[in-house]
Amino acid sequence: MPQKRTYHKHELAVLANRSPSSITRYFRQHRAEYQALGIPPGAQTIYGKALQKFCEEYCIDL
């Protein structure tokens, strides 16, 4: 089975052991960085380099 490449924010919250509101707050505070990586404000799915950056920040091994 191939690795899943797109995650919803609520799935990332579970993986990071954080509440969904904490994850939303994190993305709001880092909005410019994620926009530069191609994730528009208010997006519910995270993918690509943005997903990699998030996983590095929260030490998540996908």
C-alpha atoms as a PDB file:
ATOM      1  CA  MET A   1       0.000   0.000   0.000  1.00  0.00           C
ATOM      2  CA  PRO A   2       1.472   3.412  -0.945  1.00  0.00           C
ATOM      3  CA  GLN A   3       2.068   6.037   1.689  1.00  0.00           C
ATOM      4  CA  LYS A   4      -0.763   8.537   2.135  1.00  0.00           C
ATOM      5  CA  ARG A   5       0.407  11.903   0.803  1.00  0.00           C
ATOM      6  CA  THR A   6      -2.400  14.208   1.933  1.00  0.00           C
ATOM      7  CA  TYR A   7      -3.639  14.658   5.500  1.00  0.00           C
ATOM      8  CA  HIS A   8      -6.526  16.641   6.929  1.00  0.00           C
ATOM      9  CA  LYS A   9      -5.704  18.970   9.791  1.00  0.00           C
ATOM     10  CA  HIS A  10      -7.787  16.901  12.208  1.00  0.00           C
ATOM     11  CA  GLU A  11      -5.735  13.803  11.307  1.00  0.00           C
ATOM     12  CA  LEU A  12      -2.533  15.733  11.968  1.00  0.00           C
ATOM     13  CA  ALA A  13      -3.915  16.824  15.327  1.00  0.00           C
ATOM     14  CA  VAL A  14      -4.379  13.184  16.318  1.00  0.00           C
ATOM     15  CA  LEU A  15      -0.888  12.250  15.111  1.00  0.00           C
ATOM     16  CA  ALA A  16       0.642  15.205  16.981  1.00  0.00           C
ATOM     17  CA  ASN A  17      -1.397  14.474  20.115  1.00  0.00           C
ATOM     18  CA  ARG A  18      -2.815  17.999  20.070  1.00  0.00           C
ATOM     19  CA  SER A  19      -6.318  19.413  19.878  1.00  0.00           C
ATOM     20  CA  PRO A  20      -7.639  20.508  16.477  1.00  0.00           C
ATOM     21  CA  SER A  21      -7.821  24.095  17.729  1.00  0.00           C
ATOM     22  CA  SER A  22      -4.123  23.996  18.631  1.00  0.00           C
ATOM     23  CA  ILE A  23      -3.276  22.833  15.120  1.00  0.00           C
ATOM     24  CA  THR A  24      -5.459  25.571  13.619  1.00  0.00           C
ATOM     25  CA  ARG A  25      -3.695  28.137  15.811  1.00  0.00           C
ATOM     26  CA  TYR A  26      -0.285  26.781  14.731  1.00  0.00           C
ATOM     27  CA  PHE A  27      -1.152  27.140  11.034  1.00  0.00           C
ATOM     28  CA  ARG A  28      -2.555  30.633  11.622  1.00  0.00           C
ATOM     29  CA  GLN A  29       0.673  31.737  13.309  1.00  0.00           C
ATOM     30  CA  HIS A  30       2.787  30.258  10.483  1.00  0.00           C
ATOM     31  CA  ARG A  31       0.488  31.309   7.651  1.00  0.00           C
ATOM     32  CA  ALA A  32       3.148  33.084   5.547  1.00  0.00           C
ATOM     33  CA  GLU A  33       5.492  30.096   5.636  1.00  0.00           C
ATOM     34  CA  TYR A  34       2.766  27.680   4.560  1.00  0.00           C
ATOM     35  CA  GLN A  35       1.476  30.025   1.859  1.00  0.00           C
ATOM     36  CA  ALA A  36       4.997  30.049   0.418  1.00  0.00           C
ATOM     37  CA  LEU A  37       4.792  26.236   0.356  1.00  0.00           C
ATOM     38  CA  GLY A  38       1.480  26.354  -1.560  1.00  0.00           C
ATOM     39  CA  ILE A  39      -1.058  25.914   1.245  1.00  0.00           C
ATOM     40  CA  PRO A  40      -3.731  28.646   1.113  1.00  0.00           C
ATOM     41  CA  PRO A  41      -5.190  30.105   4.328  1.00  0.00           C
ATOM     42  CA  GLY A  42      -8.117  28.043   5.545  1.00  0.00           C
ATOM     43  CA  ALA A  43      -7.044  24.877   3.727  1.00  0.00           C
ATOM     44  CA  GLN A  44      -8.136  21.685   5.457  1.00  0.00           C
ATOM     45  CA  THR A  45      -5.666  19.354   3.723  1.00  0.00           C
ATOM     46  CA  ILE A  46      -1.891  19.503   4.031  1.00  0.00           C
ATOM     47  CA  TYR A  47       0.472  17.879   1.532  1.00  0.00           C
ATOM     48  CA  GLY A  48       3.942  17.964   0.022  1.00  0.00           C
ATOM     49  CA  LYS A  49       6.651  20.162   1.515  1.00  0.00           C
ATOM     50  CA  ALA A  50       4.150  21.696   3.937  1.00  0.00           C
ATOM     51  CA  LEU A  51       3.344  18.268   5.350  1.00  0.00           C
ATOM     52  CA  GLN A  52       7.044  17.507   5.656  1.00  0.00           C
ATOM     53  CA  LYS A  53       7.649  20.811   7.505  1.00  0.00           C
ATOM     54  CA  PHE A  54       4.754  20.165   9.895  1.00  0.00           C
ATOM     55  CA  CYS A  55       5.993  16.640  10.644  1.00  0.00           C
ATOM     56  CA  GLU A  56       9.471  17.965  11.386  1.00  0.00           C
ATOM     57  CA  GLU A  57       8.048  20.602  13.751  1.00  0.00           C
ATOM     58  CA  TYR A  58       6.024  18.033  15.713  1.00  0.00           C
ATOM     59  CA  CYS A  59       8.448  15.083  15.327  1.00  0.00           C
ATOM     60  CA  ILE A  60       5.921  12.921  13.492  1.00  0.00           C
ATOM     61  CA  ASP A  61       7.227   9.978  11.501  1.00  0.00           C
ATOM     62  CA  LEU A  62       4.931   9.175   8.600  1.00  0.00           C
END
